[in-house]
Amino acid sequence: MISRDRGIPLHLQVRGTLRDVIENHCEDGQAFWTEALLMDKLDVSRATVRKALSELTREGLLVRRAALGTSVTKKTSPTLLGLFVHQYNSDFQSELLQACAAEASLRGLQLQPYYTHNGEQISEAFERVTLPPHQQRIIILGETEGFTGQLYRALHDRGYHAVIVDAIRPGFRGSYVGTDNAQAIQIGLDHLMQLGHRRITLLVNEPAEVESVRLKIEAFERITWSQGMAEARVVLCGSKPGDSSFDAAGGAMDAVWAQESHPTAVFTVSDPGAWAVLKWCAEHRVDAPGELSVLGFEGVRRSRFTHPTLTTVAHPIADLARRAIDLLWDREERQEFLAPYLLVGESTGPPRP
């Protein structure tokens, strides 16, 4: 639908509409509509039509010959999977990147990471994308929410199929796949409550303004209130984007343990926070899980090697990668929230009487 009220240049709207027609309804070598016909059908100027057709020609979807007119060319299909990823140390991000690479290989796609850094502009990031939309599709992973949404729209407006994994702002309407954060909290609390815990602290060792973290906090408060758990607490570590989530959790534990009625279980919003809590317990001779059960969220490989081994609510990492790539070939923008699951280690147990 072409609209002068959308705030998107008309030639970009025309180009997107025609690209969809070419990709889904045209055959290779088929004659394409004339400029005059497109002007009439779309109610736009010749300059707008000509600019859209020129860009589709540069993308390799059309061939324009003065004597023969314009024809469709569909000799190539996407073979490159571009992946925007923020360049910082994250086990979850690294494992998700590996899962995307494995899934891409199974499908005969070449993976091309595009690493970004703090303070980078959308225009700088976009310069890394050199192939046209019909030759590559793009996953956006591990970026800040604002940057993610802007990058998605910049790609979408230029005709690229893209999907965001794990980080979106409220109200985002594009393609997205992520873990159901509210369900993750429910799974973790069910596990702790079944063990007999009521004094549970949610240790927020990631930035609280991030949407996925905010959803975890809301779910924790809603569930504990509905269960009448008056001694359940949320402790904010004050983390900012780029801060160490391990250090944030470790730095908060003195205050957590100093509460008048200290918790029998700590639930962190990421696994590195749980590692830090276990380290604090070892340094302060607090028995885990005898005196304090520790529960994480992510399910990354390193959590298998803590002492005691970490109980954690795990992202479905392989499924996130598979569905992200699936959505890149879906004609409609859609959002999917996948179910996490519990990995039971040795860091949780019944509270002492």
Protein backbone atom coordinates (compact mmCIF):
# COMPACT_ATOMS: atom_id res chain seq x y z
CA MET A 1 0.00 0.00 0.00
CA ILE A 2 1.47 3.32 -1.13
CA SER A 3 0.66 6.17 1.27
CA ARG A 4 1.82 9.78 1.42
CA ASP A 5 1.07 9.80 5.16
CA ARG A 6 3.53 7.09 6.25
CA GLY A 7 6.57 9.34 6.48
CA ILE A 8 8.53 7.02 4.16
CA PRO A 9 9.72 8.40 0.78
CA LEU A 10 7.39 7.36 -2.02
CA HIS A 11 10.13 5.80 -4.14
CA LEU A 12 11.06 3.50 -1.23
CA GLN A 13 7.44 2.43 -0.87
CA VAL A 14 7.16 1.82 -4.61
CA ARG A 15 10.42 -0.11 -4.62
CA GLY A 16 9.29 -2.29 -1.72
CA THR A 17 5.94 -3.02 -3.34
CA LEU A 18 7.54 -3.91 -6.67
CA ARG A 19 10.23 -6.02 -5.01
CA ASP A 20 7.53 -8.08 -3.29
CA VAL A 21 5.77 -8.57 -6.63
CA ILE A 22 9.01 -9.63 -8.33
CA GLU A 23 10.07 -12.04 -5.59
CA ASN A 24 6.70 -13.72 -5.16
CA HIS A 25 4.76 -13.41 -8.41
CA CYS A 26 7.17 -13.08 -11.35
CA GLU A 27 9.20 -15.56 -13.37
CA ASP A 28 12.77 -15.10 -14.55
CA GLY A 29 12.83 -13.30 -17.90
CA GLN A 30 9.23 -12.11 -17.64
CA ALA A 31 8.46 -8.68 -19.13
CA PHE A 32 7.84 -6.09 -16.42
CA TRP A 33 5.32 -3.26 -16.38
CA THR A 34 6.10 -0.03 -18.18
CA GLU A 35 6.71 3.25 -16.39
CA ALA A 36 3.42 4.63 -17.72
CA LEU A 37 1.42 1.68 -16.40
CA LEU A 38 3.07 1.88 -12.98
CA MET A 39 2.42 5.62 -12.78
CA ASP A 40 -1.26 5.00 -13.47
CA LYS A 41 -1.69 2.01 -11.15
CA LEU A 42 0.29 3.45 -8.21
CA ASP A 43 -0.71 7.10 -8.69
CA VAL A 44 2.86 8.39 -8.44
CA SER A 45 5.07 10.52 -10.65
CA ARG A 46 7.36 9.32 -13.41
CA ALA A 47 10.38 10.45 -11.37
CA THR A 48 9.25 8.29 -8.44
CA VAL A 49 8.71 5.24 -10.64
CA ARG A 50 11.99 5.74 -12.47
CA LYS A 51 13.97 6.04 -9.22
CA ALA A 52 12.39 2.86 -7.83
CA LEU A 53 13.06 0.93 -11.05
CA SER A 54 16.65 2.15 -11.18
CA GLU A 55 17.31 0.90 -7.64
CA LEU A 56 15.70 -2.47 -8.39
CA THR A 57 17.94 -2.69 -11.45
CA ARG A 58 21.03 -2.00 -9.30
CA GLU A 59 19.88 -4.75 -6.93
CA GLY A 60 19.85 -7.17 -9.86
CA LEU A 61 16.10 -7.84 -9.88
CA LEU A 62 15.39 -6.06 -13.17
CA VAL A 63 17.15 -5.65 -16.52
CA ARG A 64 16.32 -2.49 -18.46
CA ARG A 65 17.06 -2.35 -22.20
CA ALA A 66 16.12 0.65 -24.31
CA ALA A 67 14.78 -1.36 -27.23
CA LEU A 68 13.32 -4.33 -25.35
CA GLY A 69 11.90 -2.69 -22.23
CA THR A 70 12.25 -3.96 -18.67
CA SER A 71 12.35 -7.63 -17.68
CA VAL A 72 12.66 -9.62 -14.46
CA THR A 73 15.85 -11.45 -13.57
CA LYS A 74 15.70 -14.08 -10.83
CA LYS A 75 18.86 -16.07 -11.45
CA THR A 76 20.13 -15.64 -7.90
CA SER A 77 18.65 -16.43 -4.51
CA PRO A 78 19.89 -15.31 -1.07
CA THR A 79 23.07 -17.19 -0.18
CA LEU A 80 24.48 -14.88 2.51
CA LEU A 81 23.18 -14.60 6.07
CA GLY A 82 24.35 -11.30 7.53
CA LEU A 83 24.36 -11.08 11.32
CA PHE A 84 24.73 -7.82 13.22
CA VAL A 85 26.16 -8.48 16.67
CA HIS A 86 27.48 -6.15 19.37
CA GLN A 87 31.16 -6.69 20.12
CA TYR A 88 31.18 -7.42 23.84
CA ASN A 89 31.82 -10.45 26.00
CA SER A 90 28.61 -12.48 26.42
CA ASP A 91 28.40 -16.26 26.68
CA PHE A 92 24.76 -16.29 25.61
CA GLN A 93 25.48 -14.11 22.58
CA SER A 94 28.48 -16.26 21.59
CA GLU A 95 26.48 -19.48 21.83
CA LEU A 96 23.60 -17.99 19.87
CA LEU A 97 26.04 -16.84 17.18
CA GLN A 98 27.45 -20.38 17.00
CA ALA A 99 23.93 -21.81 16.73
CA CYS A 100 23.13 -19.42 13.87
CA ALA A 101 26.33 -20.45 12.09
CA ALA A 102 25.47 -24.15 12.46
CA GLU A 103 21.91 -23.63 11.21
CA ALA A 104 23.12 -21.50 8.29
CA SER A 105 25.57 -24.23 7.30
CA LEU A 106 22.79 -26.83 7.29
CA ARG A 107 20.83 -24.64 4.88
CA GLY A 108 23.75 -23.91 2.56
CA LEU A 109 24.04 -20.27 3.66
CA GLN A 110 27.28 -18.40 4.29
CA LEU A 111 27.31 -16.51 7.60
CA GLN A 112 28.79 -12.99 7.61
CA PRO A 113 29.00 -11.34 11.06
CA TYR A 114 28.86 -7.53 11.16
CA TYR A 115 30.35 -6.46 14.49
CA THR A 116 29.21 -3.16 16.01
CA HIS A 117 30.41 -1.16 19.01
CA ASN A 118 29.09 1.38 21.52
CA GLY A 119 28.34 4.78 20.03
CA GLU A 120 28.19 3.55 16.44
CA GLN A 121 25.75 5.31 14.12
CA ILE A 122 23.20 3.47 11.99
CA SER A 123 24.85 4.84 8.84
CA GLU A 124 28.21 3.39 9.93
CA ALA A 125 26.70 -0.02 10.62
CA PHE A 126 24.82 -0.04 7.34
CA GLU A 127 28.00 0.61 5.34
CA ARG A 128 29.05 -2.98 6.09
CA VAL A 129 26.12 -4.33 4.08
CA THR A 130 27.41 -4.50 0.51
CA LEU A 131 25.20 -7.11 -1.19
CA PRO A 132 21.70 -6.17 -2.40
CA PRO A 133 18.55 -7.44 -0.62
CA HIS A 134 17.90 -10.34 -2.97
CA GLN A 135 21.34 -11.81 -2.19
CA GLN A 136 21.34 -11.68 1.60
CA ARG A 137 19.07 -11.67 4.64
CA ILE A 138 19.97 -10.30 8.04
CA ILE A 139 19.69 -11.20 11.73
CA ILE A 140 20.17 -8.49 14.38
CA LEU A 141 21.51 -9.96 17.62
CA GLY A 142 22.71 -8.59 20.94
CA GLU A 143 22.29 -4.88 20.18
CA THR A 144 20.82 -2.21 22.44
CA GLU A 145 17.07 -1.87 22.00
CA GLY A 146 17.11 1.61 20.45
CA PHE A 147 19.88 0.78 17.99
CA THR A 148 18.18 -2.51 17.13
CA GLY A 149 14.87 -0.91 16.18
CA GLN A 150 16.52 1.84 14.13
CA LEU A 151 18.75 -0.63 12.29
CA TYR A 152 15.80 -2.91 11.57
CA ARG A 153 13.80 -0.05 10.05
CA ALA A 154 16.78 1.17 8.02
CA LEU A 155 17.22 -2.32 6.58
CA HIS A 156 13.50 -2.81 6.02
CA ASP A 157 13.13 0.52 4.22
CA ARG A 158 15.93 -0.53 1.86
CA GLY A 159 14.25 -3.82 1.07
CA TYR A 160 16.20 -6.23 3.28
CA HIS A 161 14.48 -9.11 5.05
CA ALA A 162 15.60 -8.88 8.68
CA VAL A 163 14.72 -10.35 12.06
CA ILE A 164 15.65 -9.25 15.58
CA VAL A 165 16.64 -11.81 18.20
CA ASP A 166 16.21 -11.12 21.93
CA ALA A 167 16.10 -7.29 22.21
CA ILE A 168 13.14 -5.08 21.30
CA ARG A 169 11.42 -1.98 22.58
CA PRO A 170 7.75 -2.00 23.63
CA GLY A 171 5.51 -1.49 20.62
CA PHE A 172 7.95 -2.90 18.05
CA ARG A 173 6.01 -4.29 15.09
CA GLY A 174 8.67 -6.01 12.98
CA SER A 175 9.94 -9.59 12.83
CA TYR A 176 11.27 -10.86 16.15
CA VAL A 177 12.06 -14.10 17.94
CA GLY A 178 13.00 -14.34 21.59
CA THR A 179 12.57 -16.25 24.82
CA ASP A 180 9.36 -15.82 26.80
CA ASN A 181 10.77 -13.94 29.80
CA ALA A 182 7.61 -14.11 31.91
CA GLN A 183 7.52 -17.87 31.44
CA ALA A 184 11.18 -18.07 32.46
CA ILE A 185 10.38 -16.39 35.78
CA GLN A 186 7.38 -18.67 36.29
CA ILE A 187 9.51 -21.78 35.67
CA GLY A 188 12.21 -20.58 38.08
CA LEU A 189 9.78 -19.63 40.83
CA ASP A 190 7.84 -22.89 40.44
CA HIS A 191 11.09 -24.80 40.96
CA LEU A 192 12.05 -22.82 44.06
CA MET A 193 8.56 -22.92 45.56
CA GLN A 194 8.34 -26.69 45.02
CA LEU A 195 11.54 -26.97 47.05
CA GLY A 196 9.84 -24.98 49.82
CA HIS A 197 11.31 -21.50 49.33
CA ARG A 198 9.28 -18.37 50.12
CA ARG A 199 12.00 -15.81 50.91
CA ILE A 200 13.27 -15.40 47.37
CA THR A 201 15.26 -12.43 46.05
CA LEU A 202 15.35 -11.55 42.36
CA LEU A 203 18.83 -10.11 41.86
CA VAL A 204 18.69 -7.76 38.87
CA ASN A 205 22.31 -7.85 37.70
CA GLU A 206 21.47 -6.53 34.20
CA PRO A 207 20.26 -3.00 33.28
CA ALA A 208 16.71 -2.67 34.60
CA GLU A 209 15.66 -0.39 31.73
CA VAL A 210 16.15 -3.18 29.18
CA GLU A 211 12.76 -4.51 28.08
CA SER A 212 13.53 -8.20 28.69
CA VAL A 213 14.76 -7.40 32.21
CA ARG A 214 11.74 -5.19 32.92
CA LEU A 215 9.46 -8.06 31.91
CA LYS A 216 11.27 -10.40 34.30
CA ILE A 217 10.85 -7.94 37.17
CA GLU A 218 7.14 -7.48 36.42
CA ALA A 219 6.57 -11.24 36.23
CA PHE A 220 8.43 -11.85 39.50
CA GLU A 221 6.44 -9.20 41.35
CA ARG A 222 3.13 -10.40 39.91
CA ILE A 223 3.72 -14.07 40.70
CA THR A 224 5.11 -13.58 44.21
CA TRP A 225 2.25 -11.19 45.07
CA SER A 226 -0.32 -13.72 43.83
CA GLN A 227 1.34 -16.38 46.00
CA GLY A 228 1.29 -14.16 49.09
CA MET A 229 5.09 -14.20 49.33
CA ALA A 230 5.49 -11.07 51.46
CA GLU A 231 9.22 -11.63 51.98
CA ALA A 232 10.08 -11.91 48.28
CA ARG A 233 12.30 -9.03 47.17
CA VAL A 234 13.62 -7.41 44.01
CA VAL A 235 17.16 -6.02 44.38
CA LEU A 236 18.41 -3.71 41.63
CA CYS A 237 22.18 -3.76 41.18
CA GLY A 238 22.22 -0.47 39.27
CA SER A 239 23.80 -1.96 36.14
CA LYS A 240 24.18 0.17 33.03
CA PRO A 241 24.64 -1.09 29.45
CA GLY A 242 28.20 -2.36 29.08
CA ASP A 243 28.71 -2.99 32.82
CA SER A 244 29.86 -6.39 34.06
CA SER A 245 26.79 -8.36 35.15
CA PHE A 246 29.11 -10.62 37.17
CA ASP A 247 30.55 -7.71 39.15
CA ALA A 248 27.11 -6.16 39.59
CA ALA A 249 25.77 -9.26 41.31
CA GLY A 250 28.85 -9.84 43.42
CA GLY A 251 28.84 -6.23 44.59
CA ALA A 252 25.22 -6.45 45.74
CA MET A 253 25.46 -9.61 47.81
CA ASP A 254 26.67 -8.02 51.06
CA ALA A 255 23.50 -5.91 51.13
CA VAL A 256 21.31 -8.85 50.14
CA TRP A 257 22.66 -11.00 52.95
CA ALA A 258 22.43 -8.14 55.44
CA GLN A 259 18.64 -7.95 55.12
CA GLU A 260 16.86 -8.45 58.45
CA SER A 261 15.43 -11.68 57.10
CA HIS A 262 17.91 -12.74 54.45
CA PRO A 263 16.68 -14.84 51.52
CA THR A 264 16.82 -18.61 51.32
CA ALA A 265 17.10 -18.38 47.52
CA VAL A 266 18.52 -15.89 45.01
CA PHE A 267 17.29 -15.86 41.40
CA THR A 268 19.54 -13.82 39.07
CA VAL A 269 18.44 -12.44 35.69
CA SER A 270 21.51 -13.89 33.91
CA ASP A 271 23.93 -16.74 34.56
CA PRO A 272 27.02 -14.57 35.22
CA GLY A 273 25.17 -13.07 38.18
CA ALA A 274 24.59 -16.55 39.59
CA TRP A 275 28.29 -17.37 39.16
CA ALA A 276 29.10 -14.26 41.19
CA VAL A 277 26.65 -15.26 43.94
CA LEU A 278 28.24 -18.72 44.18
CA LYS A 279 31.68 -17.09 44.39
CA TRP A 280 30.43 -14.78 47.16
CA CYS A 281 29.02 -17.78 49.04
CA ALA A 282 32.35 -19.60 48.86
CA GLU A 283 34.25 -16.52 50.07
CA HIS A 284 31.84 -15.89 52.97
CA ARG A 285 31.41 -19.53 54.03
CA VAL A 286 27.73 -19.54 53.13
CA ASP A 287 26.72 -23.06 52.15
CA ALA A 288 25.08 -23.29 48.72
CA PRO A 289 22.51 -24.71 48.51
CA GLY A 290 22.24 -25.51 52.22
CA GLU A 291 21.93 -21.91 53.42
CA LEU A 292 21.25 -20.25 50.07
CA SER A 293 19.90 -21.73 46.85
CA VAL A 294 21.16 -20.03 43.70
CA LEU A 295 19.23 -20.01 40.42
CA GLY A 296 20.36 -18.41 37.15
CA PHE A 297 18.83 -17.59 33.80
CA GLU A 298 20.46 -18.34 30.42
CA GLY A 299 21.66 -21.93 30.47
CA VAL A 300 25.07 -21.29 28.91
CA ARG A 301 27.74 -23.99 28.82
CA ARG A 302 29.99 -22.49 31.50
CA SER A 303 27.21 -22.93 34.06
CA ARG A 304 27.88 -26.68 33.93
CA PHE A 305 31.33 -26.12 35.43
CA THR A 306 30.54 -24.06 38.51
CA HIS A 307 30.80 -25.58 41.97
CA PRO A 308 28.14 -26.53 42.75
CA THR A 309 26.81 -26.87 39.20
CA LEU A 310 24.27 -24.17 38.50
CA THR A 311 20.54 -24.69 38.30
CA THR A 312 19.34 -22.32 35.59
CA VAL A 313 16.38 -21.49 33.38
CA ALA A 314 17.73 -21.95 29.87
CA HIS A 315 17.16 -20.12 26.61
CA PRO A 316 16.21 -22.53 23.77
CA ILE A 317 19.30 -21.40 21.87
CA ALA A 318 19.15 -23.84 18.95
CA ASP A 319 15.44 -23.13 18.45
CA LEU A 320 16.04 -19.36 18.54
CA ALA A 321 18.58 -19.69 15.73
CA ARG A 322 16.36 -22.00 13.68
CA ARG A 323 13.23 -19.85 13.98
CA ALA A 324 15.15 -16.62 13.32
CA ILE A 325 16.33 -17.99 9.98
CA ASP A 326 12.86 -19.39 9.23
CA LEU A 327 11.32 -15.94 9.71
CA LEU A 328 13.72 -14.43 7.19
CA TRP A 329 11.90 -16.37 4.48
CA ASP A 330 8.43 -15.54 5.79
CA ARG A 331 6.52 -13.01 3.69
CA GLU A 332 4.80 -11.50 6.75
CA GLU A 333 6.48 -9.76 9.68
CA ARG A 334 5.72 -11.72 12.82
CA GLN A 335 6.90 -12.20 16.39
CA GLU A 336 7.49 -15.44 18.25
CA PHE A 337 8.25 -16.04 21.92
CA LEU A 338 9.80 -19.45 22.59
CA ALA A 339 9.49 -21.43 25.80
CA PRO A 340 12.56 -21.69 28.07
CA TYR A 341 13.27 -24.79 30.13
CA LEU A 342 14.81 -25.71 33.48
CA LEU A 343 18.29 -27.23 33.78
CA VAL A 344 18.57 -28.64 37.30
CA GLY A 345 22.07 -28.56 38.78
CA GLU A 346 23.32 -28.77 42.35
CA SER A 347 22.95 -25.11 43.38
CA THR A 348 19.31 -25.35 44.52
CA GLY A 349 17.78 -27.42 47.29
CA PRO A 350 15.21 -27.23 50.10
CA PRO A 351 15.65 -24.40 52.63
CA ARG A 352 16.89 -25.35 56.06
CA PRO A 353 14.19 -25.34 58.77
